[in-house]
Amino acid sequence: MALPLTGALLGCEVFRCLTTTVNVPEVADLRPLRQSKNITLTAAARHLGVWPTRISDIERGTRRLDDLAHAYRTWLQTA
């Protein structure tokens, strides 16, 4: 009896994920902002304590790292 219930709950969760609108933070302005301030990808990554690929992932929109993106935006705006 546990398997059908688990399957049903999983199905409901998948349906909810597929039909719920999620607000995704805009990131298209991050790279131009960084470049306008002459900050290298490496310098930004070093300041935030992450690998440069993480910053690149955020700037290209290939990976959602919302907390890091928020910290990155805040830092760029004050740099």
Protein backbone atom coordinates (compact mmCIF):
# COMPACT_ATOMS: atom_id res chain seq x y z
CA MET A 1 0.00 0.00 0.00
CA ALA A 2 2.93 2.38 0.60
CA LEU A 3 4.13 2.18 -3.00
CA PRO A 4 0.95 3.46 -4.68
CA LEU A 5 0.69 6.26 -2.12
CA THR A 6 4.32 7.23 -2.68
CA GLY A 7 3.78 7.13 -6.45
CA ALA A 8 0.67 9.26 -6.12
CA LEU A 9 2.47 11.81 -3.96
CA LEU A 10 5.37 11.89 -6.39
CA GLY A 11 2.96 12.43 -9.27
CA CYS A 12 1.27 15.29 -7.43
CA GLU A 13 4.63 16.90 -6.68
CA VAL A 14 5.75 16.61 -10.31
CA PHE A 15 2.44 18.11 -11.47
CA ARG A 16 2.82 20.99 -9.00
CA CYS A 17 6.36 21.70 -10.20
CA LEU A 18 5.31 21.66 -13.84
CA THR A 19 2.29 23.92 -13.40
CA THR A 20 3.52 26.45 -10.85
CA THR A 21 4.99 29.74 -12.06
CA VAL A 22 8.35 30.51 -10.48
CA ASN A 23 9.90 33.97 -10.52
CA VAL A 24 13.48 33.75 -11.70
CA PRO A 25 15.76 36.69 -10.91
CA GLU A 26 17.06 38.58 -13.95
CA VAL A 27 20.80 38.14 -14.50
CA ALA A 28 21.38 39.56 -18.00
CA ASP A 29 22.72 42.83 -16.62
CA LEU A 30 25.40 41.32 -14.37
CA ARG A 31 28.16 40.78 -16.97
CA PRO A 32 27.83 44.26 -18.53
CA LEU A 33 27.81 45.79 -15.04
CA ARG A 34 30.98 43.90 -14.08
CA GLN A 35 32.69 44.79 -17.34
CA SER A 36 31.73 48.47 -17.05
CA LYS A 37 33.57 48.56 -13.74
CA ASN A 38 36.62 46.78 -15.22
CA ILE A 39 36.31 43.90 -12.75
CA THR A 40 37.61 40.57 -13.95
CA LEU A 41 35.69 37.36 -13.52
CA THR A 42 38.54 36.07 -11.36
CA ALA A 43 38.49 39.13 -9.10
CA ALA A 44 34.73 38.85 -8.61
CA ALA A 45 34.99 35.13 -7.86
CA ARG A 46 37.86 35.68 -5.43
CA HIS A 47 35.88 38.34 -3.55
CA LEU A 48 32.86 36.04 -3.25
CA GLY A 49 34.95 32.97 -2.38
CA VAL A 50 33.86 30.84 -5.34
CA TRP A 51 35.40 29.50 -8.54
CA PRO A 52 35.19 31.82 -11.59
CA THR A 53 33.03 29.23 -13.34
CA ARG A 54 30.26 29.86 -10.79
CA ILE A 55 30.22 33.57 -11.64
CA SER A 56 30.24 32.70 -15.34
CA ASP A 57 27.35 30.28 -14.81
CA ILE A 58 25.34 33.04 -13.17
CA GLU A 59 26.15 35.62 -15.84
CA ARG A 60 25.25 33.24 -18.67
CA GLY A 61 22.10 32.04 -16.90
CA THR A 62 23.13 28.39 -17.14
CA ARG A 63 22.81 27.69 -13.42
CA ARG A 64 20.45 29.12 -10.85
CA LEU A 65 22.39 30.13 -7.78
CA ASP A 66 20.00 32.74 -6.41
CA ASP A 67 21.78 33.48 -3.13
CA LEU A 68 25.14 33.84 -4.85
CA ALA A 69 23.60 35.93 -7.65
CA HIS A 70 22.08 38.27 -5.06
CA ALA A 71 25.40 38.63 -3.21
CA TYR A 72 27.18 39.18 -6.54
CA ARG A 73 24.70 41.89 -7.61
CA THR A 74 24.98 43.65 -4.26
CA TRP A 75 28.77 43.59 -4.42
CA LEU A 76 28.83 44.85 -8.02
CA GLN A 77 26.51 47.74 -7.21
CA THR A 78 28.76 48.90 -4.38
CA ALA A 79 32.11 48.23 -6.08
